[in-house]
Amino acid sequence: MSAPVIGFAGMTHLGLVSAVATAARGFDVIGYDADERLVRRLDCCELPILEPDLDRLLSASRHRICFSADARDLARSDVVYIAADVPTDGEGDSDLAPIATLVEEVSNHLRDAAVLVVLCQVSPGFTRSIATVPHNRLFYQVETLVFGRAVERALNPERFIVGCAEPAKPLPARYRQTLEAFGCPILPMRYESAELAKISINFCLVASITVANVLAELSESIGADWSEIVPALRVWTGALAPMLISILGLALPAGISNAIFAPCSISRTAGIPMSVLYVHGSRTRVIVGSGAGGCSKSGS
C-alpha cells in the first residue's frame, strides 16, 4: 500500500511542528493556512516559531511538504488534521469558534473516504458535535507537545490517544497506517474520553512543574540540593504528580496556569465539585481540592 498523503490545517506552532515531523517520517504533507504571507515565508523556510531542530528538520524534509493558502489543495489528502492553535484569553478561556470555522472550511474540500482528525485541544463534546463529516471518518487525537521539546515529542510520541465514535471498530486503514509509522501504542477510546484525557495530561504536567518548583525552593531553604533529589524521584513522577497536587498549594507562572482552569470550567458545567483558588500577583498560587464550591478566582 502506498503511503497516504497527510494534510494539516493551521500552520501555527502545533500544525507546523506536526506537519514537519510527519514529513520527516516519510509522508507527503500538505500544510494549509489561509494567511498567504505566512505561506510565502514557509515556502522560503522562514519559520514563525522557535523550536530546537525544527529549521533543520524542515530543510531536510522540504521536498515532501507543500505549503498552500488554498484549502482546495487539501482535497489531495487521505488524512487531514485540524491543527491550529486554540486562542486563549488571560483568564484561561478558550475560543473554539475559529476551530469550528476551520473544521467547516476543511470539510468542504475533503475527498471521499478521507479522514478528518481534530488535533488541537477542545472541550469534551466538541468532536461529537461536528456534523460536516461522517463519524466513521472523524477522530480526535491527543497531542502532547511541549514548548522547547516539541520536535522531539512529535517525532517520537509515547503513544497515540485517539477519540472515536466507536472505539471497538478498527481505525480506517490510511489513518492507522499514518499512526503506525511512528512505532508507538495506539489507544482508541470515546471522543469525550480522549478530549478529557488531553486536559488531564495538562493538569498532571502543571502538577509536575509546580511540585518541582515548590520542592526546589524547600531544598534551598533547608540546605538540600534539589539536583541530587531529582534522580531519586524520576521513577515515581507519574504517580507523585496527581497525588501531590491534591495536598499542596502550588506556585505557577501565570501563563502555565491557564491549563488548570479547563477542567474547572468543565466541572462547573457538569455539576461536579472541584475547587481552585486563583490568586493574582507576581506568582499564582493554586490550591486544588474536592470542595463543593467550584473553581474560584480571587485577587490579592
Protein backbone atom coordinates (compact mmCIF):
# COMPACT_ATOMS: atom_id res chain seq x y z
CA MET A 1 0.00 0.00 0.00
CA SER A 2 1.37 3.43 -0.94
CA ALA A 3 1.88 5.96 1.81
CA PRO A 4 -1.10 8.25 2.47
CA VAL A 5 -0.91 11.99 1.85
CA ILE A 6 -1.36 13.91 5.10
CA GLY A 7 -2.84 17.40 5.35
CA PHE A 8 -2.53 19.85 8.22
CA ALA A 9 -4.85 22.85 8.52
CA GLY A 10 -3.35 25.69 10.57
CA MET A 11 0.36 26.48 10.37
CA THR A 12 0.77 27.75 13.93
CA HIS A 13 3.02 26.01 16.46
CA LEU A 14 1.01 22.79 16.70
CA GLY A 15 0.31 22.40 13.00
CA LEU A 16 3.75 23.38 11.78
CA VAL A 17 5.69 21.13 14.15
CA SER A 18 3.32 18.22 13.48
CA ALA A 19 3.49 18.70 9.70
CA VAL A 20 7.28 18.79 9.62
CA ALA A 21 7.58 15.75 11.89
CA THR A 22 5.13 13.80 9.72
CA ALA A 23 7.11 14.68 6.58
CA ALA A 24 10.28 13.55 8.37
CA ARG A 25 8.58 10.17 8.84
CA GLY A 26 8.38 9.81 5.07
CA PHE A 27 4.89 11.10 4.24
CA ASP A 28 3.96 13.67 1.63
CA VAL A 29 2.40 16.56 3.54
CA ILE A 30 0.18 19.50 2.61
CA GLY A 31 0.35 22.39 5.08
CA TYR A 32 -2.62 24.74 4.70
CA ASP A 33 -3.08 28.18 6.22
CA ALA A 34 -5.31 30.99 4.98
CA ASP A 35 -2.55 33.51 5.74
CA GLU A 36 -0.86 33.97 2.35
CA ARG A 37 2.02 35.95 3.83
CA LEU A 38 2.78 33.13 6.27
CA VAL A 39 2.66 30.57 3.47
CA ARG A 40 5.15 32.59 1.42
CA ARG A 41 7.50 32.70 4.42
CA LEU A 42 7.20 28.95 4.93
CA ASP A 43 7.90 28.36 1.25
CA CYS A 44 11.23 30.10 1.87
CA CYS A 45 11.83 28.02 5.04
CA GLU A 46 11.33 31.10 7.23
CA LEU A 47 9.84 29.80 10.46
CA PRO A 48 7.46 31.96 12.54
CA ILE A 49 8.26 29.97 15.71
CA LEU A 50 11.38 28.87 17.56
CA GLU A 51 11.82 25.19 18.33
CA PRO A 52 15.15 23.33 18.59
CA ASP A 53 15.92 21.41 15.36
CA LEU A 54 12.73 22.49 13.58
CA ASP A 55 14.62 24.50 10.96
CA ARG A 56 16.99 21.60 10.28
CA LEU A 57 14.13 19.11 10.03
CA LEU A 58 12.15 21.38 7.70
CA SER A 59 15.15 21.79 5.39
CA ALA A 60 15.73 18.03 5.30
CA SER A 61 12.05 17.26 4.59
CA ARG A 62 11.20 20.28 2.43
CA HIS A 63 10.77 18.14 -0.71
CA ARG A 64 7.89 16.30 0.96
CA ILE A 65 5.95 19.38 2.13
CA CYS A 66 3.69 21.61 0.05
CA PHE A 67 2.51 24.79 1.79
CA SER A 68 -0.68 26.38 0.48
CA ALA A 69 -3.13 29.18 1.24
CA ASP A 70 -5.84 27.42 -0.80
CA ALA A 71 -7.95 24.95 1.19
CA ARG A 72 -8.85 23.13 -2.03
CA ASP A 73 -5.35 21.69 -2.08
CA LEU A 74 -6.29 19.57 0.93
CA ALA A 75 -8.50 17.52 -1.40
CA ARG A 76 -5.37 15.51 -2.28
CA SER A 77 -5.04 14.33 1.33
CA ASP A 78 -6.08 10.95 2.70
CA VAL A 79 -5.95 12.23 6.29
CA VAL A 80 -6.41 15.88 7.30
CA TYR A 81 -5.58 17.20 10.76
CA ILE A 82 -7.23 20.29 12.23
CA ALA A 83 -4.08 21.61 13.88
CA ALA A 84 -4.47 25.33 14.53
CA ASP A 85 -3.53 26.65 17.96
CA VAL A 86 -6.64 27.47 20.01
CA PRO A 87 -6.94 31.15 21.01
CA THR A 88 -6.99 31.51 24.80
CA ASP A 89 -7.59 34.68 26.80
CA GLY A 90 -5.91 35.82 30.03
CA GLU A 91 -8.50 34.03 32.13
CA GLY A 92 -7.71 30.68 30.54
CA ASP A 93 -10.93 30.52 28.48
CA SER A 94 -10.55 29.04 25.01
CA ASP A 95 -12.33 30.39 21.93
CA LEU A 96 -13.27 27.39 19.80
CA ALA A 97 -15.19 29.43 17.21
CA PRO A 98 -12.15 29.71 14.88
CA ILE A 99 -11.60 25.96 15.18
CA ALA A 100 -15.23 25.23 14.31
CA THR A 101 -14.93 27.55 11.31
CA LEU A 102 -11.76 25.80 10.19
CA VAL A 103 -13.44 22.39 10.52
CA GLU A 104 -16.32 23.55 8.33
CA GLU A 105 -13.97 25.05 5.74
CA VAL A 106 -11.79 21.93 5.52
CA SER A 107 -14.79 19.59 5.46
CA ASN A 108 -15.97 21.22 2.25
CA HIS A 109 -12.81 20.07 0.47
CA LEU A 110 -12.31 16.55 1.82
CA ARG A 111 -12.13 13.80 -0.77
CA ASP A 112 -14.42 10.78 -0.49
CA ALA A 113 -13.22 8.42 2.25
CA ALA A 114 -10.72 10.97 3.61
CA VAL A 115 -10.35 11.08 7.39
CA LEU A 116 -10.64 14.28 9.45
CA VAL A 117 -8.72 14.37 12.74
CA VAL A 118 -9.09 17.15 15.32
CA LEU A 119 -5.63 17.59 16.85
CA CYS A 120 -5.97 20.82 18.84
CA GLN A 121 -7.28 20.90 22.41
CA VAL A 122 -11.06 21.19 22.54
CA SER A 123 -13.73 20.82 25.19
CA PRO A 124 -15.29 17.39 25.69
CA GLY A 125 -18.21 17.08 23.31
CA PHE A 126 -16.71 19.25 20.57
CA THR A 127 -15.72 16.43 18.22
CA ARG A 128 -19.04 14.61 18.52
CA SER A 129 -20.85 17.87 17.70
CA ILE A 130 -19.20 18.06 14.25
CA ALA A 131 -21.88 17.30 11.66
CA THR A 132 -19.98 18.01 8.43
CA VAL A 133 -18.07 14.71 8.39
CA PRO A 134 -19.49 11.19 8.96
CA HIS A 135 -18.38 9.99 12.38
CA ASN A 136 -16.80 6.85 10.97
CA ARG A 137 -14.27 9.21 9.31
CA LEU A 138 -13.97 11.67 12.19
CA PHE A 139 -11.46 11.33 15.04
CA TYR A 140 -9.90 13.31 17.86
CA GLN A 141 -6.20 12.80 18.55
CA VAL A 142 -4.44 13.96 21.70
CA GLU A 143 -1.25 15.96 21.15
CA THR A 144 1.33 16.24 23.91
CA LEU A 145 3.85 18.70 22.50
CA VAL A 146 5.90 20.72 24.99
CA PHE A 147 7.43 24.08 24.12
CA GLY A 148 11.18 23.65 23.66
CA ARG A 149 10.82 19.88 23.13
CA ALA A 150 8.06 19.89 20.53
CA VAL A 151 10.11 18.41 17.68
CA GLU A 152 11.42 15.58 19.84
CA ARG A 153 7.93 14.70 21.08
CA ALA A 154 6.33 15.00 17.64
CA LEU A 155 8.91 12.64 16.13
CA ASN A 156 8.86 10.14 19.00
CA PRO A 157 5.44 10.15 20.70
CA GLU A 158 4.96 7.89 23.71
CA ARG A 159 1.53 6.79 22.47
CA PHE A 160 -1.40 7.97 20.38
CA ILE A 161 -4.69 8.57 22.19
CA VAL A 162 -7.47 8.50 19.62
CA GLY A 163 -11.06 9.53 20.21
CA CYS A 164 -13.56 7.56 18.12
CA ALA A 165 -17.31 7.35 17.64
CA GLU A 166 -16.99 3.56 18.05
CA PRO A 167 -13.69 2.62 19.75
CA ALA A 168 -14.23 -1.11 19.22
CA LYS A 169 -14.09 -0.76 15.43
CA PRO A 170 -10.77 -0.75 13.53
CA LEU A 171 -9.39 2.62 12.50
CA PRO A 172 -9.56 3.46 8.78
CA ALA A 173 -6.60 1.86 7.03
CA ARG A 174 -4.93 5.08 5.83
CA TYR A 175 -5.21 6.70 9.26
CA ARG A 176 -3.86 3.61 11.03
CA GLN A 177 -1.00 3.44 8.53
CA THR A 178 -0.10 7.03 9.44
CA LEU A 179 -0.08 6.35 13.17
CA GLU A 180 1.78 3.04 12.92
CA ALA A 181 4.69 4.76 11.15
CA PHE A 182 5.63 6.32 14.48
CA GLY A 183 6.03 2.93 16.18
CA CYS A 184 4.12 3.59 19.40
CA PRO A 185 0.97 2.20 21.04
CA ILE A 186 -2.44 3.38 19.78
CA LEU A 187 -5.14 3.79 22.44
CA PRO A 188 -8.66 4.16 20.99
CA MET A 189 -11.45 5.46 23.22
CA ARG A 190 -14.64 7.53 23.06
CA TYR A 191 -14.41 11.08 21.75
CA GLU A 192 -15.15 12.55 25.15
CA SER A 193 -12.65 10.30 26.93
CA ALA A 194 -9.85 11.37 24.60
CA GLU A 195 -10.77 15.06 24.88
CA LEU A 196 -10.74 14.84 28.67
CA ALA A 197 -7.51 12.79 28.58
CA LYS A 198 -5.77 15.76 26.94
CA ILE A 199 -6.96 18.09 29.70
CA SER A 200 -5.92 15.54 32.34
CA ILE A 201 -2.42 15.36 30.86
CA ASN A 202 -2.18 19.16 31.06
CA PHE A 203 -3.26 19.01 34.68
CA CYS A 204 -0.55 16.48 35.53
CA LEU A 205 2.05 18.46 33.60
CA VAL A 206 1.21 21.58 35.58
CA ALA A 207 1.39 19.50 38.75
CA SER A 208 4.83 18.08 37.96
CA ILE A 209 6.27 21.51 37.10
CA THR A 210 4.86 23.24 40.14
CA VAL A 211 5.67 20.47 42.60
CA ALA A 212 9.25 20.66 41.38
CA ASN A 213 9.25 24.43 41.93
CA VAL A 214 7.96 24.07 45.49
CA LEU A 215 10.40 21.32 46.42
CA ALA A 216 13.34 23.14 44.83
CA GLU A 217 12.55 26.19 46.97
CA LEU A 218 12.23 23.98 50.03
CA SER A 219 15.58 22.34 49.25
CA GLU A 220 17.27 25.70 49.08
CA SER A 221 15.75 26.84 52.37
CA ILE A 222 16.99 23.79 54.32
CA GLY A 223 20.37 23.33 52.65
CA ALA A 224 19.41 20.35 50.48
CA ASP A 225 20.46 20.04 46.83
CA TRP A 226 17.47 19.54 44.51
CA SER A 227 19.71 18.23 41.69
CA GLU A 228 20.65 15.32 43.96
CA ILE A 229 16.99 14.54 44.71
CA VAL A 230 15.68 14.57 41.13
CA PRO A 231 17.20 11.20 40.07
CA ALA A 232 15.56 9.51 43.05
CA LEU A 233 12.13 10.81 42.02
CA ARG A 234 12.22 10.08 38.30
CA VAL A 235 10.76 6.61 38.67
CA TRP A 236 7.87 7.97 40.70
CA THR A 237 7.00 11.12 38.75
CA GLY A 238 3.84 9.73 37.17
CA ALA A 239 2.39 8.61 40.48
CA LEU A 240 3.52 11.57 42.56
CA ALA A 241 2.21 14.40 40.41
CA PRO A 242 -1.55 13.74 40.73
CA MET A 243 -1.17 12.82 44.40
CA LEU A 244 0.85 15.86 45.42
CA ILE A 245 -1.33 18.32 43.57
CA SER A 246 -4.22 17.32 45.80
CA ILE A 247 -2.39 18.19 49.01
CA LEU A 248 -0.06 21.09 48.20
CA GLY A 249 -0.53 24.77 47.44
CA LEU A 250 1.37 25.06 44.19
CA ALA A 251 3.06 28.13 42.69
CA LEU A 252 2.59 28.54 38.93
CA PRO A 253 3.81 31.04 36.36
CA ALA A 254 0.66 32.83 35.19
CA GLY A 255 0.94 31.57 31.59
CA ILE A 256 1.04 27.92 32.63
CA SER A 257 -1.90 28.36 34.98
CA ASN A 258 -4.30 28.65 32.03
CA ALA A 259 -4.21 24.87 31.63
CA ILE A 260 -5.52 24.37 35.15
CA PHE A 261 -8.86 26.07 34.54
CA ALA A 262 -10.08 23.96 31.62
CA PRO A 263 -11.13 21.06 33.89
CA CYS A 264 -12.61 23.57 36.35
CA SER A 265 -14.85 25.02 33.67
CA ILE A 266 -15.95 21.55 32.67
CA SER A 267 -16.62 20.60 36.28
CA ARG A 268 -18.90 23.62 36.72
CA THR A 269 -20.88 22.70 33.61
CA ALA A 270 -21.21 19.08 34.71
CA GLY A 271 -22.02 19.98 38.32
CA ILE A 272 -19.04 18.03 39.66
CA PRO A 273 -17.35 19.59 42.72
CA MET A 274 -13.83 20.86 42.19
CA SER A 275 -12.29 23.86 43.89
CA VAL A 276 -9.43 26.00 42.73
CA LEU A 277 -8.31 29.20 44.41
CA TYR A 278 -6.56 31.53 41.96
CA VAL A 279 -4.60 34.41 43.45
CA HIS A 280 -3.29 37.16 41.16
CA GLY A 281 0.12 38.59 41.94
CA SER A 282 3.74 38.22 40.94
CA ARG A 283 3.12 34.49 41.16
CA THR A 284 -0.06 32.48 41.01
CA ARG A 285 -0.98 30.10 43.80
CA VAL A 286 -3.32 27.29 43.01
CA ILE A 287 -4.96 25.04 45.57
CA VAL A 288 -6.79 22.05 44.19
CA GLY A 289 -9.28 20.09 46.24
CA SER A 290 -12.65 18.37 46.13
CA GLY A 291 -14.78 21.04 47.79
CA ALA A 292 -18.30 21.81 46.69
CA GLY A 293 -17.68 25.48 45.99
CA GLY A 294 -16.49 25.05 42.40
CA CYS A 295 -13.49 26.86 40.94
CA SER A 296 -12.93 30.35 42.24
CA LYS A 297 -10.52 33.19 41.40
CA SER A 298 -9.56 35.94 43.81
CA GLY A 299 -7.09 38.80 43.60
CA SER A 300 -4.51 39.98 46.09
